[in-house]
Amino acid sequence: MFNSRKMISNEVLADATHTSLERFLGTDRIKQRTKEIERERFGDTHPIVKEIDEVIIPFTKPAVYLSGGIDSTILLHHLSMKTDEPIYTYTFAFFKDENEFKEAEAVAEYYGTIHHEVMIDNFIGRFPEILRYLSRPRFNVQTFWLAEQAHKDGRKTCYLGEGLDEHFGGYWYKPKLNYLESWVDHFKYICPSHKEIHDIFNLRCEIPFTNIDFRKTISYWDPNREKIHLKNAYSGILPNYVIKRRKNPGRPHWDRLWDRELSKIYPDRKPESDEEIRRLLNKHATAVWLDVHP
């Protein structure tokens, strides 16, 4: 039977005990002892790390799409521990002076991968070629260029690090969707598009983080959208510069994409914000999708 009096007394006792220990040992020693207890309970590996490790399965001729951020590095870390095959890594950019090449190269060198940098040009011009294969309109089709290069390199399995933002609270730069809305977007739009793009090249598309049991991660969700619990779990496992790096939005400067490509489609428009450029890009992608799906 539930006993609220007992629960309250235990909480009070625990708080009093913690305060006494803090006075006796000091705050730093308490933190250290907490980590020691966790190691005694779970071994040297944090439970988050164990959950993630279980869903990453090695398949033949692997490729990892690498940004140099924590999500793709975690994926590469676990995969590199499970396969003896050479791992190819790929990083994309829209502009030569605006990219994640330096960060990704550092991670690729650390794990000894065969690394490629892929430039995306004629982005909008290839929409008809790409969108004819998609079951819904979408302008975020950057992975097409990575899959295309992986196919040329003879890769068979491509790994994407999608899903950890949903599990652990990422996307600090996005409007604050609630937990369920984030997962709906992930399963309804993001994952299906990735898989359809890889089907074009007959590539296996692995998005392993979607297979993590959310019941095991929901208590680690960060309301500040910085994935602090995930970073803490991998502290001392991943290179420190990965842990400290803040997530990059991974998208072009919209005004530069407008100047380079989209303004040619809407020559009479003068968008005043990034959001307006995004809406026009989405409008054009939808129009192209309708054209190639009569």
C-alpha atoms as a PDB file:
ATOM      1  CA  MET A   1       0.000   0.000   0.000  1.00  0.00           C
ATOM      2  CA  PHE A   2       1.226   3.523  -0.829  1.00  0.00           C
ATOM      3  CA  ASN A   3       2.466   5.309   2.310  1.00  0.00           C
ATOM      4  CA  SER A   4       2.898   9.062   1.770  1.00  0.00           C
ATOM      5  CA  ARG A   5       4.157   9.567   5.337  1.00  0.00           C
ATOM      6  CA  LYS A   6       6.942   7.040   4.781  1.00  0.00           C
ATOM      7  CA  MET A   7       7.815   8.585   1.398  1.00  0.00           C
ATOM      8  CA  ILE A   8       8.034  12.078   2.872  1.00  0.00           C
ATOM      9  CA  SER A   9      10.114  10.936   5.819  1.00  0.00           C
ATOM     10  CA  ASN A  10      12.522   9.156   3.471  1.00  0.00           C
ATOM     11  CA  GLU A  11      12.872  12.271   1.350  1.00  0.00           C
ATOM     12  CA  VAL A  12      13.558  14.388   4.411  1.00  0.00           C
ATOM     13  CA  LEU A  13      16.073  11.839   5.670  1.00  0.00           C
ATOM     14  CA  ALA A  14      17.802  11.686   2.297  1.00  0.00           C
ATOM     15  CA  ASP A  15      18.012  15.465   2.126  1.00  0.00           C
ATOM     16  CA  ALA A  16      19.360  15.698   5.658  1.00  0.00           C
ATOM     17  CA  THR A  17      21.880  12.932   4.979  1.00  0.00           C
ATOM     18  CA  HIS A  18      23.045  14.619   1.779  1.00  0.00           C
ATOM     19  CA  THR A  19      23.434  17.964   3.606  1.00  0.00           C
ATOM     20  CA  SER A  20      25.446  16.320   6.386  1.00  0.00           C
ATOM     21  CA  LEU A  21      27.708  14.522   3.928  1.00  0.00           C
ATOM     22  CA  GLU A  22      28.165  17.711   1.959  1.00  0.00           C
ATOM     23  CA  ARG A  23      29.360  19.498   5.077  1.00  0.00           C
ATOM     24  CA  PHE A  24      31.642  16.602   6.008  1.00  0.00           C
ATOM     25  CA  LEU A  25      33.073  15.732   2.579  1.00  0.00           C
ATOM     26  CA  GLY A  26      32.463  18.836   0.491  1.00  0.00           C
ATOM     27  CA  THR A  27      30.396  19.251  -2.680  1.00  0.00           C
ATOM     28  CA  ASP A  28      33.147  17.999  -5.020  1.00  0.00           C
ATOM     29  CA  ARG A  29      33.583  14.808  -3.033  1.00  0.00           C
ATOM     30  CA  ILE A  30      29.828  14.212  -3.107  1.00  0.00           C
ATOM     31  CA  LYS A  31      29.843  14.522  -6.910  1.00  0.00           C
ATOM     32  CA  GLN A  32      32.793  12.167  -7.135  1.00  0.00           C
ATOM     33  CA  ARG A  33      31.113   9.607  -4.874  1.00  0.00           C
ATOM     34  CA  THR A  34      27.913   9.835  -6.936  1.00  0.00           C
ATOM     35  CA  LYS A  35      29.908   8.874 -10.012  1.00  0.00           C
ATOM     36  CA  GLU A  36      31.564   6.028  -8.091  1.00  0.00           C
ATOM     37  CA  ILE A  37      28.159   4.664  -7.063  1.00  0.00           C
ATOM     38  CA  GLU A  38      26.974   4.869 -10.663  1.00  0.00           C
ATOM     39  CA  ARG A  39      30.032   2.924 -11.831  1.00  0.00           C
ATOM     40  CA  GLU A  40      29.455   0.312  -9.149  1.00  0.00           C
ATOM     41  CA  ARG A  41      25.860  -0.092 -10.294  1.00  0.00           C
ATOM     42  CA  PHE A  42      26.332   0.010 -14.081  1.00  0.00           C
ATOM     43  CA  GLY A  43      30.015  -0.775 -14.536  1.00  0.00           C
ATOM     44  CA  ASP A  44      32.298   1.684 -16.287  1.00  0.00           C
ATOM     45  CA  THR A  45      29.647   2.493 -18.868  1.00  0.00           C
ATOM     46  CA  HIS A  46      26.821   4.970 -18.330  1.00  0.00           C
ATOM     47  CA  PRO A  47      23.363   3.442 -18.935  1.00  0.00           C
ATOM     48  CA  ILE A  48      22.767   5.918 -21.780  1.00  0.00           C
ATOM     49  CA  VAL A  49      25.887   4.650 -23.534  1.00  0.00           C
ATOM     50  CA  LYS A  50      24.761   1.055 -23.114  1.00  0.00           C
ATOM     51  CA  GLU A  51      21.323   1.771 -24.579  1.00  0.00           C
ATOM     52  CA  ILE A  52      22.843   3.483 -27.603  1.00  0.00           C
ATOM     53  CA  ASP A  53      25.453   0.791 -28.151  1.00  0.00           C
ATOM     54  CA  GLU A  54      22.791  -1.911 -28.353  1.00  0.00           C
ATOM     55  CA  VAL A  55      21.021  -0.392 -31.360  1.00  0.00           C
ATOM     56  CA  ILE A  56      24.076   0.122 -33.560  1.00  0.00           C
ATOM     57  CA  ILE A  57      24.503  -2.951 -35.736  1.00  0.00           C
ATOM     58  CA  PRO A  58      27.360  -3.294 -38.243  1.00  0.00           C
ATOM     59  CA  PHE A  59      26.491  -4.058 -41.854  1.00  0.00           C
ATOM     60  CA  THR A  60      28.704  -4.484 -44.872  1.00  0.00           C
ATOM     61  CA  LYS A  61      30.645  -1.621 -46.492  1.00  0.00           C
ATOM     62  CA  PRO A  62      29.622   1.070 -43.985  1.00  0.00           C
ATOM     63  CA  ALA A  63      29.481   4.824 -44.460  1.00  0.00           C
ATOM     64  CA  VAL A  64      28.685   7.420 -41.792  1.00  0.00           C
ATOM     65  CA  TYR A  65      27.429  10.920 -42.509  1.00  0.00           C
ATOM     66  CA  LEU A  66      29.613  13.015 -40.249  1.00  0.00           C
ATOM     67  CA  SER A  67      29.116  16.600 -39.107  1.00  0.00           C
ATOM     68  CA  GLY A  68      31.711  16.539 -36.352  1.00  0.00           C
ATOM     69  CA  GLY A  69      28.978  17.066 -33.758  1.00  0.00           C
ATOM     70  CA  ILE A  70      28.132  14.756 -30.894  1.00  0.00           C
ATOM     71  CA  ASP A  71      25.369  12.721 -32.589  1.00  0.00           C
ATOM     72  CA  SER A  72      27.286  11.584 -35.663  1.00  0.00           C
ATOM     73  CA  THR A  73      30.453  11.117 -33.587  1.00  0.00           C
ATOM     74  CA  ILE A  74      28.614   8.831 -31.164  1.00  0.00           C
ATOM     75  CA  LEU A  75      27.403   6.779 -34.108  1.00  0.00           C
ATOM     76  CA  LEU A  76      30.899   6.553 -35.586  1.00  0.00           C
ATOM     77  CA  HIS A  77      32.409   5.716 -32.197  1.00  0.00           C
ATOM     78  CA  HIS A  78      30.189   2.681 -31.600  1.00  0.00           C
ATOM     79  CA  LEU A  79      30.343   1.469 -35.177  1.00  0.00           C
ATOM     80  CA  SER A  80      34.133   1.640 -35.203  1.00  0.00           C
ATOM     81  CA  MET A  81      34.192  -0.627 -32.140  1.00  0.00           C
ATOM     82  CA  LYS A  82      32.045  -3.242 -33.894  1.00  0.00           C
ATOM     83  CA  THR A  83      33.491  -3.604 -37.383  1.00  0.00           C
ATOM     84  CA  ASP A  84      36.892  -4.361 -38.872  1.00  0.00           C
ATOM     85  CA  GLU A  85      35.826  -3.031 -42.266  1.00  0.00           C
ATOM     86  CA  PRO A  86      37.069   0.391 -43.363  1.00  0.00           C
ATOM     87  CA  ILE A  87      34.505   3.076 -42.589  1.00  0.00           C
ATOM     88  CA  TYR A  88      33.907   5.883 -45.063  1.00  0.00           C
ATOM     89  CA  THR A  89      32.677   9.221 -43.734  1.00  0.00           C
ATOM     90  CA  TYR A  90      31.026  12.057 -45.629  1.00  0.00           C
ATOM     91  CA  THR A  91      30.405  15.708 -44.815  1.00  0.00           C
ATOM     92  CA  PHE A  92      28.448  18.127 -46.997  1.00  0.00           C
ATOM     93  CA  ALA A  93      28.551  21.876 -47.447  1.00  0.00           C
ATOM     94  CA  PHE A  94      26.649  24.433 -49.518  1.00  0.00           C
ATOM     95  CA  PHE A  95      29.497  26.959 -49.573  1.00  0.00           C
ATOM     96  CA  LYS A  96      33.272  26.545 -49.382  1.00  0.00           C
ATOM     97  CA  ASP A  97      33.626  29.259 -46.749  1.00  0.00           C
ATOM     98  CA  GLU A  98      30.669  28.116 -44.640  1.00  0.00           C
ATOM     99  CA  ASN A  99      30.919  24.487 -43.593  1.00  0.00           C
ATOM    100  CA  GLU A 100      31.734  21.886 -40.932  1.00  0.00           C
ATOM    101  CA  PHE A 101      34.696  20.424 -42.806  1.00  0.00           C
ATOM    102  CA  LYS A 102      37.285  21.262 -40.149  1.00  0.00           C
ATOM    103  CA  GLU A 103      35.278  19.736 -37.274  1.00  0.00           C
ATOM    104  CA  ALA A 104      34.361  16.622 -39.251  1.00  0.00           C
ATOM    105  CA  GLU A 105      37.923  16.123 -40.474  1.00  0.00           C
ATOM    106  CA  ALA A 106      39.199  16.166 -36.894  1.00  0.00           C
ATOM    107  CA  VAL A 107      36.746  13.421 -35.900  1.00  0.00           C
ATOM    108  CA  ALA A 108      37.451  11.396 -39.047  1.00  0.00           C
ATOM    109  CA  GLU A 109      41.181  11.537 -38.346  1.00  0.00           C
ATOM    110  CA  TYR A 110      40.628  10.534 -34.719  1.00  0.00           C
ATOM    111  CA  TYR A 111      38.731   7.388 -35.763  1.00  0.00           C
ATOM    112  CA  GLY A 112      40.826   6.662 -38.843  1.00  0.00           C
ATOM    113  CA  THR A 113      38.063   6.791 -41.461  1.00  0.00           C
ATOM    114  CA  ILE A 114      38.292   7.314 -45.219  1.00  0.00           C
ATOM    115  CA  HIS A 115      36.855  10.804 -45.347  1.00  0.00           C
ATOM    116  CA  HIS A 116      35.197  12.751 -48.165  1.00  0.00           C
ATOM    117  CA  GLU A 117      33.957  16.320 -48.365  1.00  0.00           C
ATOM    118  CA  VAL A 118      30.946  16.796 -50.627  1.00  0.00           C
ATOM    119  CA  MET A 119      29.984  20.180 -52.056  1.00  0.00           C
ATOM    120  CA  ILE A 120      26.321  20.794 -52.849  1.00  0.00           C
ATOM    121  CA  ASP A 121      25.812  22.986 -55.874  1.00  0.00           C
ATOM    122  CA  ASN A 122      22.839  23.350 -58.199  1.00  0.00           C
ATOM    123  CA  PHE A 123      20.764  22.442 -55.152  1.00  0.00           C
ATOM    124  CA  ILE A 124      17.405  23.641 -56.447  1.00  0.00           C
ATOM    125  CA  GLY A 125      18.194  22.665 -60.022  1.00  0.00           C
ATOM    126  CA  ARG A 126      18.264  18.988 -59.076  1.00  0.00           C
ATOM    127  CA  PHE A 127      14.889  19.031 -57.317  1.00  0.00           C
ATOM    128  CA  PRO A 128      13.032  17.420 -60.261  1.00  0.00           C
ATOM    129  CA  GLU A 129      15.560  14.582 -60.354  1.00  0.00           C
ATOM    130  CA  ILE A 130      15.273  13.952 -56.602  1.00  0.00           C
ATOM    131  CA  LEU A 131      11.653  14.719 -55.735  1.00  0.00           C
ATOM    132  CA  ARG A 132      10.237  12.279 -58.283  1.00  0.00           C
ATOM    133  CA  TYR A 133      11.380   9.528 -55.897  1.00  0.00           C
ATOM    134  CA  LEU A 134       9.868  11.033 -52.726  1.00  0.00           C
ATOM    135  CA  SER A 135       6.379  10.278 -51.482  1.00  0.00           C
ATOM    136  CA  ARG A 136       5.865  13.838 -50.220  1.00  0.00           C
ATOM    137  CA  PRO A 137       7.239  17.323 -50.944  1.00  0.00           C
ATOM    138  CA  ARG A 138      10.452  18.171 -49.101  1.00  0.00           C
ATOM    139  CA  PHE A 139      13.280  20.631 -49.658  1.00  0.00           C
ATOM    140  CA  ASN A 140      15.698  19.190 -47.070  1.00  0.00           C
ATOM    141  CA  VAL A 141      17.231  16.678 -49.471  1.00  0.00           C
ATOM    142  CA  GLN A 142      20.918  17.283 -48.744  1.00  0.00           C
ATOM    143  CA  THR A 143      21.561  13.601 -48.083  1.00  0.00           C
ATOM    144  CA  PHE A 144      21.028  12.916 -51.790  1.00  0.00           C
ATOM    145  CA  TRP A 145      24.517  14.257 -52.508  1.00  0.00           C
ATOM    146  CA  LEU A 146      26.050  12.129 -49.751  1.00  0.00           C
ATOM    147  CA  ALA A 147      24.242   8.993 -50.893  1.00  0.00           C
ATOM    148  CA  GLU A 148      25.283   9.682 -54.480  1.00  0.00           C
ATOM    149  CA  GLN A 149      28.959   9.864 -53.474  1.00  0.00           C
ATOM    150  CA  ALA A 150      28.694   6.815 -51.201  1.00  0.00           C
ATOM    151  CA  HIS A 151      27.240   4.868 -54.116  1.00  0.00           C
ATOM    152  CA  LYS A 152      30.132   5.939 -56.363  1.00  0.00           C
ATOM    153  CA  ASP A 153      32.536   4.740 -53.674  1.00  0.00           C
ATOM    154  CA  GLY A 154      30.954   1.295 -53.579  1.00  0.00           C
ATOM    155  CA  ARG A 155      29.374   1.669 -50.153  1.00  0.00           C
ATOM    156  CA  LYS A 156      26.394  -0.543 -49.282  1.00  0.00           C
ATOM    157  CA  THR A 157      25.206   0.760 -45.884  1.00  0.00           C
ATOM    158  CA  CYS A 158      24.816   4.417 -44.892  1.00  0.00           C
ATOM    159  CA  TYR A 159      24.387   5.419 -41.254  1.00  0.00           C
ATOM    160  CA  LEU A 160      22.627   8.616 -40.175  1.00  0.00           C
ATOM    161  CA  GLY A 161      22.748  10.063 -36.670  1.00  0.00           C
ATOM    162  CA  GLU A 162      19.140  11.276 -36.589  1.00  0.00           C
ATOM    163  CA  GLY A 163      17.128  10.811 -33.390  1.00  0.00           C
ATOM    164  CA  LEU A 164      19.335  11.810 -30.467  1.00  0.00           C
ATOM    165  CA  ASP A 165      17.943  15.345 -30.503  1.00  0.00           C
ATOM    166  CA  GLU A 166      14.476  13.882 -30.048  1.00  0.00           C
ATOM    167  CA  HIS A 167      15.599  11.489 -27.310  1.00  0.00           C
ATOM    168  CA  PHE A 168      17.732  13.903 -25.294  1.00  0.00           C
ATOM    169  CA  GLY A 169      16.451  17.389 -26.113  1.00  0.00           C
ATOM    170  CA  GLY A 170      18.404  19.085 -28.886  1.00  0.00           C
ATOM    171  CA  TYR A 171      17.655  21.654 -31.567  1.00  0.00           C
ATOM    172  CA  TRP A 172      18.322  24.724 -29.420  1.00  0.00           C
ATOM    173  CA  TYR A 173      17.897  26.849 -32.567  1.00  0.00           C
ATOM    174  CA  LYS A 174      14.434  25.576 -33.502  1.00  0.00           C
ATOM    175  CA  PRO A 175      11.011  26.655 -32.204  1.00  0.00           C
ATOM    176  CA  LYS A 176      10.216  24.682 -29.094  1.00  0.00           C
ATOM    177  CA  LEU A 177       8.090  21.805 -30.247  1.00  0.00           C
ATOM    178  CA  ASN A 178       6.908  19.580 -27.453  1.00  0.00           C
ATOM    179  CA  TYR A 179       8.316  16.083 -27.033  1.00  0.00           C
ATOM    180  CA  LEU A 180       5.611  14.312 -29.043  1.00  0.00           C
ATOM    181  CA  GLU A 181       5.618  16.866 -31.867  1.00  0.00           C
ATOM    182  CA  SER A 182       9.362  16.363 -32.302  1.00  0.00           C
ATOM    183  CA  TRP A 183       8.902  12.615 -32.714  1.00  0.00           C
ATOM    184  CA  VAL A 184       6.000  13.041 -35.144  1.00  0.00           C
ATOM    185  CA  ASP A 185       8.169  15.218 -37.392  1.00  0.00           C
ATOM    186  CA  HIS A 186      10.974  12.682 -37.122  1.00  0.00           C
ATOM    187  CA  PHE A 187       8.925   9.634 -38.093  1.00  0.00           C
ATOM    188  CA  LYS A 188       6.475  11.312 -40.471  1.00  0.00           C
ATOM    189  CA  TYR A 189       8.860  13.376 -42.589  1.00  0.00           C
ATOM    190  CA  ILE A 190      12.563  13.021 -41.810  1.00  0.00           C
ATOM    191  CA  CYS A 191      13.152   9.265 -41.729  1.00  0.00           C
ATOM    192  CA  PRO A 192      10.932   8.327 -44.708  1.00  0.00           C
ATOM    193  CA  SER A 193      12.656  10.927 -46.905  1.00  0.00           C
ATOM    194  CA  HIS A 194      16.099   9.649 -45.982  1.00  0.00           C
ATOM    195  CA  LYS A 195      15.149   6.080 -46.778  1.00  0.00           C
ATOM    196  CA  GLU A 196      13.557   7.007 -50.110  1.00  0.00           C
ATOM    197  CA  ILE A 197      16.661   8.938 -51.142  1.00  0.00           C
ATOM    198  CA  HIS A 198      18.900   5.948 -50.390  1.00  0.00           C
ATOM    199  CA  ASP A 199      16.559   3.643 -52.262  1.00  0.00           C
ATOM    200  CA  ILE A 200      17.454   5.602 -55.411  1.00  0.00           C
ATOM    201  CA  PHE A 201      20.973   4.184 -55.161  1.00  0.00           C
ATOM    202  CA  ASN A 202      19.979   0.809 -53.725  1.00  0.00           C
ATOM    203  CA  LEU A 203      21.737   1.658 -50.462  1.00  0.00           C
ATOM    204  CA  ARG A 204      20.763   0.371 -47.038  1.00  0.00           C
ATOM    205  CA  CYS A 205      19.811   3.355 -44.861  1.00  0.00           C
ATOM    206  CA  GLU A 206      20.417   2.820 -41.155  1.00  0.00           C
ATOM    207  CA  ILE A 207      19.006   5.321 -38.633  1.00  0.00           C
ATOM    208  CA  PRO A 208      19.745   3.315 -35.467  1.00  0.00           C
ATOM    209  CA  PHE A 209      18.887   5.908 -32.826  1.00  0.00           C
ATOM    210  CA  THR A 210      15.210   5.605 -33.749  1.00  0.00           C
ATOM    211  CA  ASN A 211      15.353   2.096 -32.268  1.00  0.00           C
ATOM    212  CA  ILE A 212      16.294   3.223 -28.766  1.00  0.00           C
ATOM    213  CA  ASP A 213      13.487   2.585 -26.277  1.00  0.00           C
ATOM    214  CA  PHE A 214      12.216   6.073 -25.413  1.00  0.00           C
ATOM    215  CA  ARG A 215      11.162   4.782 -21.987  1.00  0.00           C
ATOM    216  CA  LYS A 216      14.876   4.433 -21.211  1.00  0.00           C
ATOM    217  CA  THR A 217      15.771   7.973 -22.321  1.00  0.00           C
ATOM    218  CA  ILE A 218      12.847  10.242 -21.489  1.00  0.00           C
ATOM    219  CA  SER A 219      14.181  11.012 -18.007  1.00  0.00           C
ATOM    220  CA  TYR A 220      17.360  12.354 -19.655  1.00  0.00           C
ATOM    221  CA  TRP A 221      15.513  14.808 -21.911  1.00  0.00           C
ATOM    222  CA  ASP A 222      17.009  18.300 -21.574  1.00  0.00           C
ATOM    223  CA  PRO A 223      14.360  21.088 -21.494  1.00  0.00           C
ATOM    224  CA  ASN A 224      17.079  23.614 -22.385  1.00  0.00           C
ATOM    225  CA  ARG A 225      17.663  21.764 -25.683  1.00  0.00           C
ATOM    226  CA  GLU A 226      21.419  21.324 -25.175  1.00  0.00           C
ATOM    227  CA  LYS A 227      21.464  17.504 -24.614  1.00  0.00           C
ATOM    228  CA  ILE A 228      23.389  18.018 -21.394  1.00  0.00           C
ATOM    229  CA  HIS A 229      22.758  14.490 -20.075  1.00  0.00           C
ATOM    230  CA  LEU A 230      23.978  12.941 -23.304  1.00  0.00           C
ATOM    231  CA  LYS A 231      27.122  15.063 -23.198  1.00  0.00           C
ATOM    232  CA  ASN A 232      27.752  14.088 -19.590  1.00  0.00           C
ATOM    233  CA  ALA A 233      27.331  10.400 -20.424  1.00  0.00           C
ATOM    234  CA  TYR A 234      29.962  10.576 -23.174  1.00  0.00           C
ATOM    235  CA  SER A 235      32.392  12.807 -21.306  1.00  0.00           C
ATOM    236  CA  GLY A 236      35.711  10.965 -21.239  1.00  0.00           C
ATOM    237  CA  ILE A 237      34.611   8.674 -24.086  1.00  0.00           C
ATOM    238  CA  LEU A 238      34.492  11.048 -27.048  1.00  0.00           C
ATOM    239  CA  PRO A 239      37.131  13.682 -27.820  1.00  0.00           C
ATOM    240  CA  ASN A 240      36.640  16.683 -25.573  1.00  0.00           C
ATOM    241  CA  TYR A 241      36.251  19.105 -28.465  1.00  0.00           C
ATOM    242  CA  VAL A 242      33.174  17.154 -29.589  1.00  0.00           C
ATOM    243  CA  ILE A 243      31.586  17.315 -26.140  1.00  0.00           C
ATOM    244  CA  LYS A 244      32.141  21.065 -25.878  1.00  0.00           C
ATOM    245  CA  ARG A 245      30.941  21.927 -29.365  1.00  0.00           C
ATOM    246  CA  ARG A 246      27.449  23.396 -29.593  1.00  0.00           C
ATOM    247  CA  LYS A 247      25.179  21.832 -32.205  1.00  0.00           C
ATOM    248  CA  ASN A 248      25.396  23.466 -35.620  1.00  0.00           C
ATOM    249  CA  PRO A 249      22.042  24.024 -37.364  1.00  0.00           C
ATOM    250  CA  GLY A 250      23.509  22.245 -40.418  1.00  0.00           C
ATOM    251  CA  ARG A 251      21.794  24.458 -42.941  1.00  0.00           C
ATOM    252  CA  PRO A 252      22.940  27.180 -45.360  1.00  0.00           C
ATOM    253  CA  HIS A 253      22.674  30.884 -44.792  1.00  0.00           C
ATOM    254  CA  TRP A 254      19.332  31.383 -46.419  1.00  0.00           C
ATOM    255  CA  ASP A 255      20.240  34.770 -47.882  1.00  0.00           C
ATOM    256  CA  ARG A 256      23.228  33.231 -49.688  1.00  0.00           C
ATOM    257  CA  LEU A 257      21.111  30.389 -51.072  1.00  0.00           C
ATOM    258  CA  TRP A 258      18.611  33.022 -52.177  1.00  0.00           C
ATOM    259  CA  ASP A 259      21.277  35.013 -54.007  1.00  0.00           C
ATOM    260  CA  ARG A 260      22.808  31.942 -55.630  1.00  0.00           C
ATOM    261  CA  GLU A 261      19.716  30.053 -56.738  1.00  0.00           C
ATOM    262  CA  LEU A 262      16.260  30.869 -55.457  1.00  0.00           C
ATOM    263  CA  SER A 263      16.188  34.507 -56.606  1.00  0.00           C
ATOM    264  CA  LYS A 264      16.326  33.263 -60.200  1.00  0.00           C
ATOM    265  CA  ILE A 265      13.014  31.473 -59.658  1.00  0.00           C
ATOM    266  CA  TYR A 266      11.310  34.399 -57.889  1.00  0.00           C
ATOM    267  CA  PRO A 267      12.997  37.440 -59.510  1.00  0.00           C
ATOM    268  CA  ASP A 268      10.257  39.831 -58.400  1.00  0.00           C
ATOM    269  CA  ARG A 269      10.383  38.839 -54.729  1.00  0.00           C
ATOM    270  CA  LYS A 270      12.540  40.527 -52.102  1.00  0.00           C
ATOM    271  CA  PRO A 271      12.306  38.413 -48.937  1.00  0.00           C
ATOM    272  CA  GLU A 272      12.965  40.262 -45.712  1.00  0.00           C
ATOM    273  CA  SER A 273      13.729  37.302 -43.460  1.00  0.00           C
ATOM    274  CA  ASP A 274      15.158  33.773 -43.406  1.00  0.00           C
ATOM    275  CA  GLU A 275      11.689  32.456 -42.674  1.00  0.00           C
ATOM    276  CA  GLU A 276      10.322  34.052 -45.833  1.00  0.00           C
ATOM    277  CA  ILE A 277      13.118  32.464 -47.883  1.00  0.00           C
ATOM    278  CA  ARG A 278      12.326  29.089 -46.314  1.00  0.00           C
ATOM    279  CA  ARG A 279       8.658  29.464 -47.210  1.00  0.00           C
ATOM    280  CA  LEU A 280       9.526  30.267 -50.827  1.00  0.00           C
ATOM    281  CA  LEU A 281      11.902  27.310 -50.987  1.00  0.00           C
ATOM    282  CA  ASN A 282       9.187  25.053 -49.605  1.00  0.00           C
ATOM    283  CA  LYS A 283       6.681  26.512 -52.078  1.00  0.00           C
ATOM    284  CA  HIS A 284       9.020  25.787 -54.981  1.00  0.00           C
ATOM    285  CA  ALA A 285       9.798  22.241 -53.768  1.00  0.00           C
ATOM    286  CA  THR A 286       6.067  21.548 -53.503  1.00  0.00           C
ATOM    287  CA  ALA A 287       5.447  22.875 -57.012  1.00  0.00           C
ATOM    288  CA  VAL A 288       8.245  20.722 -58.411  1.00  0.00           C
ATOM    289  CA  TRP A 289       6.942  17.660 -56.544  1.00  0.00           C
ATOM    290  CA  LEU A 290       3.478  18.191 -58.019  1.00  0.00           C
ATOM    291  CA  ASP A 291       4.974  18.531 -61.500  1.00  0.00           C
ATOM    292  CA  VAL A 292       6.851  15.236 -61.288  1.00  0.00           C
ATOM    293  CA  HIS A 293       3.882  13.431 -59.712  1.00  0.00           C
ATOM    294  CA  PRO A 294       1.085  14.150 -62.222  1.00  0.00           C
END
